[in-house]
Amino acid sequence: MTHGNDSDSSKKAWLDRPESATKIFWILCAVCALLFLADALYVKHPHFAAESWFGFYGIFGFVAFFGVVLAGAQLRKILMRKEDYYD
């Protein structure tokens, strides 16, 4: 005898299961950490002094993306319309 929940969970795609999303998150964190550490493995030829800092591009990218997200949240307040705006 099968229960409704058992058959539903077996039919879900692997990306729909919460444990798969958690695994993907931690795999991406590991890849980001490895790429951050890989910054120490090559010789840099910087144009500016800040480019020679360890992990500069990773940190710069994170801060820039964080700024874009914060700016988007503020822009949403300006551009957001009511649900029935076009009615």
N, C-alpha and C. Protein backbone atom coordinates (compact mmCIF):
# COMPACT_ATOMS: atom_id res chain seq x y z
N MET A 1 0.84 -1.16 0.00
CA MET A 1 0.00 0.00 0.00
C MET A 1 0.90 1.24 0.00
N THR A 2 0.65 2.14 -0.92
CA THR A 2 1.45 3.36 -0.98
C THR A 2 0.64 4.53 -0.46
N HIS A 3 1.33 5.42 0.15
CA HIS A 3 0.71 6.63 0.66
C HIS A 3 0.87 7.72 -0.38
N GLY A 4 0.01 8.73 -0.35
CA GLY A 4 0.07 9.82 -1.32
C GLY A 4 1.39 10.56 -1.30
N ASN A 5 1.97 10.74 -0.12
CA ASN A 5 3.23 11.48 -0.01
C ASN A 5 4.39 10.70 -0.59
N ASP A 6 4.38 9.36 -0.43
CA ASP A 6 5.48 8.54 -0.93
C ASP A 6 5.52 8.57 -2.45
N SER A 7 4.38 8.46 -3.10
CA SER A 7 4.37 8.44 -4.56
C SER A 7 4.69 9.82 -5.12
N ASP A 8 4.27 10.89 -4.41
CA ASP A 8 4.58 12.24 -4.87
C ASP A 8 6.07 12.53 -4.79
N SER A 9 6.72 12.09 -3.71
CA SER A 9 8.14 12.39 -3.54
C SER A 9 8.99 11.60 -4.53
N SER A 10 8.53 10.42 -4.94
CA SER A 10 9.31 9.64 -5.89
C SER A 10 9.18 10.19 -7.30
N LYS A 11 8.11 10.93 -7.57
CA LYS A 11 7.89 11.49 -8.91
C LYS A 11 8.54 12.85 -9.09
N LYS A 12 8.98 13.46 -8.01
CA LYS A 12 9.59 14.78 -8.12
C LYS A 12 10.93 14.69 -8.83
N ALA A 13 11.22 15.70 -9.63
CA ALA A 13 12.53 15.79 -10.26
C ALA A 13 13.57 16.08 -9.18
N TRP A 14 14.81 15.75 -9.43
CA TRP A 14 15.83 15.89 -8.39
C TRP A 14 16.04 17.34 -7.98
N LEU A 15 15.76 18.30 -8.87
CA LEU A 15 15.91 19.71 -8.50
C LEU A 15 14.75 20.22 -7.65
N ASP A 16 13.63 19.50 -7.65
CA ASP A 16 12.48 19.91 -6.86
C ASP A 16 12.58 19.49 -5.41
N ARG A 17 13.48 18.58 -5.10
CA ARG A 17 13.62 18.11 -3.72
C ARG A 17 14.49 19.09 -2.93
N PRO A 18 14.08 19.44 -1.71
CA PRO A 18 14.85 20.42 -0.90
C PRO A 18 16.28 19.98 -0.61
N GLU A 19 16.51 18.68 -0.42
CA GLU A 19 17.87 18.23 -0.13
C GLU A 19 18.80 18.44 -1.32
N SER A 20 18.25 18.39 -2.54
CA SER A 20 19.07 18.63 -3.73
C SER A 20 19.47 20.10 -3.82
N ALA A 21 18.54 20.98 -3.50
CA ALA A 21 18.86 22.41 -3.52
C ALA A 21 19.94 22.74 -2.49
N THR A 22 19.87 22.09 -1.34
CA THR A 22 20.90 22.30 -0.31
C THR A 22 22.25 21.81 -0.79
N LYS A 23 22.28 20.66 -1.44
CA LYS A 23 23.55 20.13 -1.98
C LYS A 23 24.13 21.07 -3.03
N ILE A 24 23.29 21.57 -3.91
CA ILE A 24 23.76 22.49 -4.95
C ILE A 24 24.32 23.76 -4.32
N PHE A 25 23.64 24.28 -3.30
CA PHE A 25 24.13 25.48 -2.61
C PHE A 25 25.53 25.26 -2.06
N TRP A 26 25.75 24.14 -1.36
CA TRP A 26 27.05 23.89 -0.75
C TRP A 26 28.12 23.59 -1.80
N ILE A 27 27.74 22.97 -2.90
CA ILE A 27 28.70 22.74 -3.99
C ILE A 27 29.13 24.08 -4.58
N LEU A 28 28.17 24.99 -4.79
CA LEU A 28 28.52 26.32 -5.31
C LEU A 28 29.40 27.09 -4.33
N CYS A 29 29.12 26.96 -3.03
CA CYS A 29 29.98 27.60 -2.02
C CYS A 29 31.40 27.06 -2.09
N ALA A 30 31.53 25.74 -2.26
CA ALA A 30 32.86 25.13 -2.35
C ALA A 30 33.60 25.59 -3.60
N VAL A 31 32.89 25.68 -4.72
CA VAL A 31 33.52 26.14 -5.97
C VAL A 31 33.97 27.59 -5.82
N CYS A 32 33.14 28.43 -5.21
CA CYS A 32 33.53 29.83 -5.00
C CYS A 32 34.75 29.94 -4.09
N ALA A 33 34.79 29.13 -3.04
CA ALA A 33 35.94 29.15 -2.13
C ALA A 33 37.21 28.70 -2.85
N LEU A 34 37.10 27.66 -3.67
CA LEU A 34 38.27 27.19 -4.42
C LEU A 34 38.75 28.23 -5.42
N LEU A 35 37.83 28.90 -6.08
CA LEU A 35 38.23 29.95 -7.02
C LEU A 35 38.85 31.13 -6.29
N PHE A 36 38.33 31.44 -5.11
CA PHE A 36 38.92 32.52 -4.31
C PHE A 36 40.35 32.17 -3.91
N LEU A 37 40.55 30.92 -3.49
CA LEU A 37 41.89 30.48 -3.09
C LEU A 37 42.83 30.34 -4.29
N ALA A 38 42.29 30.09 -5.46
CA ALA A 38 43.11 29.96 -6.67
C ALA A 38 43.78 31.28 -7.04
N ASP A 39 43.31 32.37 -6.46
CA ASP A 39 43.91 33.68 -6.72
C ASP A 39 45.37 33.72 -6.29
N ALA A 40 45.77 32.83 -5.39
CA ALA A 40 47.15 32.82 -4.91
C ALA A 40 48.07 32.03 -5.83
N LEU A 41 47.54 31.39 -6.85
CA LEU A 41 48.32 30.46 -7.66
C LEU A 41 48.88 31.04 -8.96
N TYR A 42 48.68 32.30 -9.21
CA TYR A 42 49.20 32.87 -10.45
C TYR A 42 49.84 34.23 -10.17
N VAL A 43 50.66 34.64 -11.10
CA VAL A 43 51.34 35.93 -10.97
C VAL A 43 50.44 37.01 -11.53
N LYS A 44 50.23 38.05 -10.75
CA LYS A 44 49.35 39.14 -11.16
C LYS A 44 50.17 40.24 -11.84
N HIS A 45 49.55 40.88 -12.81
CA HIS A 45 50.15 42.03 -13.48
C HIS A 45 49.14 43.18 -13.38
N PRO A 46 49.01 43.78 -12.20
CA PRO A 46 47.94 44.76 -11.98
C PRO A 46 48.21 46.11 -12.63
N HIS A 47 47.14 46.76 -13.00
CA HIS A 47 47.23 48.14 -13.49
C HIS A 47 47.10 49.11 -12.33
N PHE A 48 46.35 48.71 -11.31
CA PHE A 48 46.16 49.52 -10.12
C PHE A 48 46.60 48.73 -8.90
N ALA A 49 46.98 49.42 -7.83
CA ALA A 49 47.51 48.76 -6.64
C ALA A 49 46.48 47.81 -6.00
N ALA A 50 45.21 48.17 -6.04
CA ALA A 50 44.18 47.34 -5.41
C ALA A 50 44.05 45.99 -6.09
N GLU A 51 44.36 45.92 -7.37
CA GLU A 51 44.24 44.65 -8.11
C GLU A 51 45.24 43.60 -7.63
N SER A 52 46.26 44.01 -6.94
CA SER A 52 47.25 43.04 -6.45
C SER A 52 46.86 42.43 -5.11
N TRP A 53 45.81 42.94 -4.47
CA TRP A 53 45.35 42.38 -3.21
C TRP A 53 44.79 40.98 -3.43
N PHE A 54 45.00 40.11 -2.43
CA PHE A 54 44.50 38.75 -2.53
C PHE A 54 42.96 38.74 -2.57
N GLY A 55 42.40 38.11 -3.57
CA GLY A 55 40.96 37.98 -3.68
C GLY A 55 40.23 39.25 -4.07
N PHE A 56 40.94 40.20 -4.64
CA PHE A 56 40.33 41.49 -4.97
C PHE A 56 39.11 41.34 -5.87
N TYR A 57 39.23 40.59 -6.94
CA TYR A 57 38.13 40.49 -7.90
C TYR A 57 36.93 39.76 -7.32
N GLY A 58 37.16 38.76 -6.51
CA GLY A 58 36.04 38.08 -5.86
C GLY A 58 35.31 38.99 -4.89
N ILE A 59 36.06 39.71 -4.09
CA ILE A 59 35.46 40.64 -3.13
C ILE A 59 34.77 41.79 -3.85
N PHE A 60 35.41 42.32 -4.86
CA PHE A 60 34.83 43.42 -5.63
C PHE A 60 33.53 42.98 -6.30
N GLY A 61 33.52 41.79 -6.88
CA GLY A 61 32.32 41.28 -7.52
C GLY A 61 31.19 41.08 -6.53
N PHE A 62 31.51 40.54 -5.35
CA PHE A 62 30.48 40.34 -4.34
C PHE A 62 29.90 41.67 -3.88
N VAL A 63 30.76 42.63 -3.60
CA VAL A 63 30.29 43.95 -3.14
C VAL A 63 29.47 44.64 -4.23
N ALA A 64 29.92 44.55 -5.49
CA ALA A 64 29.19 45.18 -6.58
C ALA A 64 27.81 44.54 -6.75
N PHE A 65 27.72 43.22 -6.69
CA PHE A 65 26.44 42.55 -6.85
C PHE A 65 25.52 42.89 -5.68
N PHE A 66 26.07 42.94 -4.48
CA PHE A 66 25.29 43.31 -3.30
C PHE A 66 24.72 44.71 -3.47
N GLY A 67 25.53 45.62 -4.02
CA GLY A 67 25.07 46.99 -4.27
C GLY A 67 23.97 47.03 -5.30
N VAL A 68 24.06 46.20 -6.34
CA VAL A 68 23.01 46.15 -7.36
C VAL A 68 21.71 45.66 -6.76
N VAL A 69 21.78 44.66 -5.90
CA VAL A 69 20.57 44.14 -5.25
C VAL A 69 19.94 45.21 -4.36
N LEU A 70 20.75 45.91 -3.58
CA LEU A 70 20.21 46.98 -2.73
C LEU A 70 19.61 48.12 -3.57
N ALA A 71 20.27 48.48 -4.65
CA ALA A 71 19.75 49.52 -5.52
C ALA A 71 18.44 49.07 -6.17
N GLY A 72 18.35 47.81 -6.55
CA GLY A 72 17.12 47.28 -7.14
C GLY A 72 15.97 47.31 -6.17
N ALA A 73 16.23 47.03 -4.91
CA ALA A 73 15.17 47.08 -3.89
C ALA A 73 14.64 48.50 -3.74
N GLN A 74 15.52 49.48 -3.79
CA GLN A 74 15.08 50.88 -3.69
C GLN A 74 14.37 51.32 -4.96
N LEU A 75 14.84 50.88 -6.11
CA LEU A 75 14.22 51.22 -7.38
C LEU A 75 12.82 50.62 -7.49
N ARG A 76 12.62 49.46 -6.89
CA ARG A 76 11.31 48.82 -6.90
C ARG A 76 10.29 49.70 -6.19
N LYS A 77 10.69 50.39 -5.14
CA LYS A 77 9.77 51.27 -4.43
C LYS A 77 9.30 52.41 -5.32
N ILE A 78 10.16 52.85 -6.21
CA ILE A 78 9.82 53.97 -7.09
C ILE A 78 8.96 53.48 -8.26
N LEU A 79 9.30 52.35 -8.85
CA LEU A 79 8.64 51.88 -10.06
C LEU A 79 7.43 50.98 -9.82
N MET A 80 7.24 50.48 -8.62
CA MET A 80 6.16 49.54 -8.33
C MET A 80 4.80 50.21 -8.50
N ARG A 81 3.90 49.51 -9.16
CA ARG A 81 2.54 49.97 -9.35
C ARG A 81 1.59 49.01 -8.67
N LYS A 82 0.38 49.48 -8.38
CA LYS A 82 -0.62 48.61 -7.77
C LYS A 82 -1.00 47.51 -8.74
N GLU A 83 -1.55 46.43 -8.20
CA GLU A 83 -1.90 45.28 -9.01
C GLU A 83 -2.92 45.61 -10.07
N ASP A 84 -3.84 46.51 -9.78
CA ASP A 84 -4.88 46.87 -10.73
C ASP A 84 -4.57 48.18 -11.47
N TYR A 85 -3.32 48.49 -11.67
CA TYR A 85 -2.89 49.74 -12.28
C TYR A 85 -3.48 49.93 -13.68
N TYR A 86 -3.52 48.87 -14.48
CA TYR A 86 -3.98 48.97 -15.86
C TYR A 86 -5.47 48.71 -16.02
N ASP A 87 -6.20 48.48 -14.94
CA ASP A 87 -7.65 48.21 -15.04
C ASP A 87 -8.46 49.47 -15.15
